[in-house]
Amino acid sequence: MPAPALRSAAVQSPSLQEFSEPLALPRSGARKIGTSKTGKLVPINEWVTTLPEGKPVVFVLGALAHGKVEVDYTEECISVSEFPLSGSVAAGKVCCAFEQLWGII
């Protein structure tokens, strides 16, 4: 069974897709960002504006409340809060930042 994906009515490609282990990143050339409590603290709503427009980005969410994601396929590691967060709250913060960037109300 394929991984769950969030799709737009206007576009056939997934906007958001879940992947399980073992991870095979689907997009070559995508910027791969890890998230962790110990990553570089960034104001996520401002940080997403620095991403190249129209280029794919992959977020690896995990180890947000404790520790750090130890993987070799991310290019940088950021923290979206100075406080420990659950994975769902961190994912929500990232999604809300993109909603604000794209003018989705």
C-alpha atoms as a PDB file:
ATOM      1  CA  MET A   1       0.000   0.000   0.000  1.00  0.00           C
ATOM      2  CA  PRO A   2       1.472   3.411  -0.931  1.00  0.00           C
ATOM      3  CA  ALA A   3       2.339   5.937   1.784  1.00  0.00           C
ATOM      4  CA  PRO A   4      -0.398   8.469   2.596  1.00  0.00           C
ATOM      5  CA  ALA A   5      -0.141  11.694   0.614  1.00  0.00           C
ATOM      6  CA  LEU A   6      -1.877  15.065   0.656  1.00  0.00           C
ATOM      7  CA  ARG A   7      -2.862  16.118  -2.862  1.00  0.00           C
ATOM      8  CA  SER A   8      -4.220  19.338  -4.301  1.00  0.00           C
ATOM      9  CA  ALA A   9      -7.361  19.241  -6.436  1.00  0.00           C
ATOM     10  CA  ALA A  10      -5.563  21.309  -9.101  1.00  0.00           C
ATOM     11  CA  VAL A  11      -2.267  19.362  -9.193  1.00  0.00           C
ATOM     12  CA  GLN A  12      -1.723  15.617  -9.522  1.00  0.00           C
ATOM     13  CA  SER A  13       1.630  15.467  -7.690  1.00  0.00           C
ATOM     14  CA  PRO A  14       1.545  15.190  -3.881  1.00  0.00           C
ATOM     15  CA  SER A  15       1.982  18.358  -1.816  1.00  0.00           C
ATOM     16  CA  LEU A  16       2.848  16.395   1.312  1.00  0.00           C
ATOM     17  CA  GLN A  17       3.815  12.745   1.498  1.00  0.00           C
ATOM     18  CA  GLU A  18       4.704  10.440   4.399  1.00  0.00           C
ATOM     19  CA  PHE A  19       7.634   8.025   4.109  1.00  0.00           C
ATOM     20  CA  SER A  20       8.512   5.111   6.348  1.00  0.00           C
ATOM     21  CA  GLU A  21      11.833   3.333   6.929  1.00  0.00           C
ATOM     22  CA  PRO A  22      13.873   2.483   5.014  1.00  0.00           C
ATOM     23  CA  LEU A  23      13.919   5.988   3.629  1.00  0.00           C
ATOM     24  CA  ALA A  24      14.525   6.512  -0.062  1.00  0.00           C
ATOM     25  CA  LEU A  25      14.209  10.205  -0.776  1.00  0.00           C
ATOM     26  CA  PRO A  26      12.017  10.641  -3.824  1.00  0.00           C
ATOM     27  CA  ARG A  27      13.406  13.914  -5.117  1.00  0.00           C
ATOM     28  CA  SER A  28      16.948  14.267  -6.274  1.00  0.00           C
ATOM     29  CA  GLY A  29      18.029  17.876  -6.064  1.00  0.00           C
ATOM     30  CA  ALA A  30      15.656  18.588  -3.181  1.00  0.00           C
ATOM     31  CA  ARG A  31      17.025  20.491  -0.198  1.00  0.00           C
ATOM     32  CA  LYS A  32      16.899  18.107   2.771  1.00  0.00           C
ATOM     33  CA  ILE A  33      16.366  19.739   6.177  1.00  0.00           C
ATOM     34  CA  GLY A  34      16.521  17.903   9.494  1.00  0.00           C
ATOM     35  CA  THR A  35      14.693  19.162  12.581  1.00  0.00           C
ATOM     36  CA  SER A  36      15.826  18.780  16.150  1.00  0.00           C
ATOM     37  CA  LYS A  37      15.736  20.573  19.479  1.00  0.00           C
ATOM     38  CA  THR A  38      19.525  20.862  19.190  1.00  0.00           C
ATOM     39  CA  GLY A  39      19.493  22.288  15.636  1.00  0.00           C
ATOM     40  CA  LYS A  40      20.115  25.932  14.731  1.00  0.00           C
ATOM     41  CA  LEU A  41      17.179  27.908  16.155  1.00  0.00           C
ATOM     42  CA  VAL A  42      15.338  29.714  13.357  1.00  0.00           C
ATOM     43  CA  PRO A  43      12.150  31.783  13.222  1.00  0.00           C
ATOM     44  CA  ILE A  44      10.438  29.337  10.857  1.00  0.00           C
ATOM     45  CA  ASN A  45       8.012  31.863   9.314  1.00  0.00           C
ATOM     46  CA  GLU A  46      10.964  34.010   8.213  1.00  0.00           C
ATOM     47  CA  TRP A  47      13.281  31.076   7.436  1.00  0.00           C
ATOM     48  CA  VAL A  48      10.976  29.535   4.800  1.00  0.00           C
ATOM     49  CA  THR A  49      11.202  32.793   2.825  1.00  0.00           C
ATOM     50  CA  THR A  50      14.927  32.079   2.280  1.00  0.00           C
ATOM     51  CA  LEU A  51      14.220  28.826   0.428  1.00  0.00           C
ATOM     52  CA  PRO A  52      14.566  28.993  -3.370  1.00  0.00           C
ATOM     53  CA  GLU A  53      11.124  29.457  -4.941  1.00  0.00           C
ATOM     54  CA  GLY A  54       9.877  26.498  -6.965  1.00  0.00           C
ATOM     55  CA  LYS A  55      12.555  24.101  -5.685  1.00  0.00           C
ATOM     56  CA  PRO A  56      11.518  20.976  -3.746  1.00  0.00           C
ATOM     57  CA  VAL A  57      12.351  20.709  -0.056  1.00  0.00           C
ATOM     58  CA  VAL A  58      12.238  17.659   2.219  1.00  0.00           C
ATOM     59  CA  PHE A  59      11.834  17.978   5.991  1.00  0.00           C
ATOM     60  CA  VAL A  60      12.987  15.128   8.212  1.00  0.00           C
ATOM     61  CA  LEU A  61      10.962  15.558  11.404  1.00  0.00           C
ATOM     62  CA  GLY A  62      12.039  13.687  14.492  1.00  0.00           C
ATOM     63  CA  ALA A  63      13.860  13.747  17.809  1.00  0.00           C
ATOM     64  CA  LEU A  64      12.319  17.117  18.551  1.00  0.00           C
ATOM     65  CA  ALA A  65      11.719  16.731  22.273  1.00  0.00           C
ATOM     66  CA  HIS A  66      14.871  14.721  22.982  1.00  0.00           C
ATOM     67  CA  GLY A  67      18.110  14.337  21.069  1.00  0.00           C
ATOM     68  CA  LYS A  68      18.881  14.818  17.409  1.00  0.00           C
ATOM     69  CA  VAL A  69      18.084  12.983  14.185  1.00  0.00           C
ATOM     70  CA  GLU A  70      21.331  11.205  13.290  1.00  0.00           C
ATOM     71  CA  VAL A  71      21.093  10.632   9.528  1.00  0.00           C
ATOM     72  CA  ASP A  72      23.490  11.221   6.672  1.00  0.00           C
ATOM     73  CA  TYR A  73      20.953  12.449   4.109  1.00  0.00           C
ATOM     74  CA  THR A  74      20.123  15.900   5.520  1.00  0.00           C
ATOM     75  CA  GLU A  75      22.074  19.012   4.573  1.00  0.00           C
ATOM     76  CA  GLU A  76      21.350  21.041   7.685  1.00  0.00           C
ATOM     77  CA  CYS A  77      19.502  20.746  10.968  1.00  0.00           C
ATOM     78  CA  ILE A  78      17.167  23.427  12.329  1.00  0.00           C
ATOM     79  CA  SER A  79      15.077  23.911  15.444  1.00  0.00           C
ATOM     80  CA  VAL A  80      11.679  25.590  15.088  1.00  0.00           C
ATOM     81  CA  SER A  81      11.312  26.373  18.808  1.00  0.00           C
ATOM     82  CA  GLU A  82      13.454  26.982  21.852  1.00  0.00           C
ATOM     83  CA  PHE A  83      11.218  24.487  23.653  1.00  0.00           C
ATOM     84  CA  PRO A  84      10.932  20.708  23.136  1.00  0.00           C
ATOM     85  CA  LEU A  85       8.021  19.953  20.787  1.00  0.00           C
ATOM     86  CA  SER A  86       6.152  16.840  19.762  1.00  0.00           C
ATOM     87  CA  GLY A  87       6.546  15.800  16.139  1.00  0.00           C
ATOM     88  CA  SER A  88       2.978  16.811  15.322  1.00  0.00           C
ATOM     89  CA  VAL A  89       3.427  20.324  16.738  1.00  0.00           C
ATOM     90  CA  ALA A  90       6.713  20.806  14.852  1.00  0.00           C
ATOM     91  CA  ALA A  91       5.102  19.559  11.625  1.00  0.00           C
ATOM     92  CA  GLY A  92       2.234  21.978  12.212  1.00  0.00           C
ATOM     93  CA  LYS A  93       4.644  24.902  12.665  1.00  0.00           C
ATOM     94  CA  VAL A  94       6.409  24.029   9.388  1.00  0.00           C
ATOM     95  CA  CYS A  95       3.095  23.652   7.525  1.00  0.00           C
ATOM     96  CA  CYS A  96       1.756  26.940   8.935  1.00  0.00           C
ATOM     97  CA  ALA A  97       4.937  28.736   7.845  1.00  0.00           C
ATOM     98  CA  PHE A  98       4.395  27.535   4.267  1.00  0.00           C
ATOM     99  CA  GLU A  99       0.704  28.487   4.445  1.00  0.00           C
ATOM    100  CA  GLN A 100       1.713  32.015   5.431  1.00  0.00           C
ATOM    101  CA  LEU A 101       4.382  32.127   2.690  1.00  0.00           C
ATOM    102  CA  TRP A 102       1.923  31.014   0.012  1.00  0.00           C
ATOM    103  CA  GLY A 103      -0.950  33.214   1.266  1.00  0.00           C
ATOM    104  CA  ILE A 104      -3.193  30.300   2.265  1.00  0.00           C
ATOM    105  CA  ILE A 105      -5.772  31.481   4.784  1.00  0.00           C
END
